[in-house]
């Protein structure tokens, strides 16, 4: 009986550790995957396709935005850093950013 309780308790601890990383992902909008640029101050980037790699709430951007990394919060606030700094709002279907120093509006859609 004591061995059974110990195993049940151990299983609960192991499963609890697993679910915490799943909860971290669930707390952020799912912005990982393929996107296309629908608005940018550099017109040559409009209609370009790119990939966002999400690791929990941490983000890494692929070409043409390689060199940019960021974070997204549970409420969708997104902060991106790299050659420029950007702030905005993200959801599973849209990302809207304002990047400085030139106040460039960047919109990404699925």
Protein backbone atom coordinates (compact mmCIF):
# COMPACT_ATOMS: atom_id res chain seq x y z
CA UNK A 1 0.00 0.00 0.00
CA UNK A 2 2.80 2.44 0.87
CA UNK A 3 4.61 1.58 -2.40
CA UNK A 4 1.42 2.26 -4.34
CA UNK A 5 0.93 5.64 -2.65
CA UNK A 6 4.59 6.49 -3.31
CA UNK A 7 4.26 5.60 -7.01
CA UNK A 8 1.02 7.57 -7.35
CA UNK A 9 2.67 10.57 -5.66
CA UNK A 10 5.78 10.28 -7.85
CA UNK A 11 3.65 10.06 -10.98
CA UNK A 12 1.76 13.18 -9.86
CA UNK A 13 5.02 15.11 -9.44
CA UNK A 14 6.33 13.97 -12.84
CA UNK A 15 3.05 14.78 -14.60
CA UNK A 16 2.85 18.12 -12.81
CA UNK A 17 6.29 19.06 -14.14
CA UNK A 18 5.21 18.12 -17.66
CA UNK A 19 2.03 20.15 -17.54
CA UNK A 20 3.80 23.31 -16.42
CA UNK A 21 5.65 23.58 -19.76
CA UNK A 22 2.37 22.90 -21.59
CA UNK A 23 0.75 25.66 -19.51
CA UNK A 24 3.54 28.08 -20.54
CA UNK A 25 2.70 27.50 -24.21
CA UNK A 26 -1.03 27.74 -23.54
CA UNK A 27 -0.53 31.16 -21.91
CA UNK A 28 0.78 32.69 -25.15
CA UNK A 29 -0.99 33.14 -28.48
CA UNK A 30 0.17 30.49 -30.96
CA UNK A 31 2.26 32.67 -33.28
CA UNK A 32 4.71 29.99 -34.40
CA UNK A 33 4.58 29.00 -38.07
CA UNK A 34 4.28 30.57 -41.50
CA UNK A 35 3.27 34.21 -42.04
CA UNK A 36 3.19 36.69 -44.89
CA UNK A 37 3.90 40.41 -44.75
CA UNK A 38 0.83 42.51 -45.60
CA UNK A 39 2.16 45.92 -44.58
CA UNK A 40 5.69 47.30 -44.21
CA UNK A 41 7.38 50.66 -44.77
CA UNK A 42 9.77 48.86 -47.15
CA UNK A 43 7.39 48.01 -50.02
CA UNK A 44 9.75 45.29 -51.30
CA UNK A 45 8.90 43.19 -48.22
CA UNK A 46 5.13 43.20 -48.80
CA UNK A 47 3.88 39.71 -49.78
CA UNK A 48 7.12 38.10 -48.55
CA UNK A 49 6.65 34.86 -46.61
CA UNK A 50 8.46 34.15 -43.35
CA UNK A 51 8.52 31.76 -40.42
CA UNK A 52 8.25 32.49 -36.72
CA UNK A 53 9.70 29.86 -34.41
CA UNK A 54 8.01 29.88 -31.00
CA UNK A 55 9.59 28.24 -27.98
CA UNK A 56 7.04 28.85 -25.26
CA UNK A 57 6.59 32.63 -25.29
CA UNK A 58 10.02 33.29 -26.87
CA UNK A 59 10.16 34.00 -30.59
CA UNK A 60 12.77 33.81 -33.34
CA UNK A 61 12.04 35.22 -36.79
CA UNK A 62 13.16 33.76 -40.11
CA UNK A 63 14.17 35.55 -43.32
CA UNK A 64 13.62 38.30 -44.28
CA UNK A 65 13.50 39.16 -40.55
CA UNK A 66 16.33 36.91 -39.39
CA UNK A 67 18.24 38.61 -36.62
CA UNK A 68 15.00 39.50 -34.83
CA UNK A 69 13.92 37.79 -31.60
CA UNK A 70 11.09 38.56 -29.25
CA UNK A 71 8.52 37.56 -26.69
CA UNK A 72 4.74 37.43 -26.63
CA UNK A 73 2.65 37.64 -23.46
CA UNK A 74 -0.56 35.86 -22.54
CA UNK A 75 -2.60 38.93 -23.48
CA UNK A 76 -0.90 39.17 -26.90
CA UNK A 77 1.53 42.00 -26.25
CA UNK A 78 4.57 41.37 -28.43
CA UNK A 79 8.04 42.86 -28.15
CA UNK A 80 10.63 42.29 -30.89
CA UNK A 81 14.30 43.25 -30.90
CA UNK A 82 17.03 43.08 -33.50
CA UNK A 83 18.19 45.66 -36.01
CA UNK A 84 15.09 47.63 -34.89
CA UNK A 85 12.88 47.51 -31.80
CA UNK A 86 9.17 46.77 -32.26
CA UNK A 87 6.12 46.67 -30.01
CA UNK A 88 2.62 45.54 -30.85
CA UNK A 89 -0.16 43.00 -30.55
CA UNK A 90 -0.21 39.36 -31.67
CA UNK A 91 -2.89 36.73 -32.10
CA UNK A 92 -2.94 33.34 -33.78
CA UNK A 93 -3.95 35.02 -37.07
CA UNK A 94 -2.38 38.53 -37.01
CA UNK A 95 0.72 40.31 -35.77
CA UNK A 96 0.77 44.11 -35.82
CA UNK A 97 3.95 45.95 -34.87
CA UNK A 98 5.27 49.49 -34.77
CA UNK A 99 9.03 49.48 -35.17
CA UNK A 100 11.40 52.29 -34.29
CA UNK A 101 13.33 54.43 -34.94
CA UNK A 102 11.31 55.21 -38.10
CA UNK A 103 7.79 54.33 -36.83
CA UNK A 104 7.47 51.58 -39.43
CA UNK A 105 4.13 49.74 -39.24
CA UNK A 106 4.53 46.00 -39.88
CA UNK A 107 1.56 43.66 -40.28
CA UNK A 108 1.80 39.91 -40.66
CA UNK A 109 -1.08 37.56 -41.45
CA UNK A 110 -1.47 33.80 -41.79
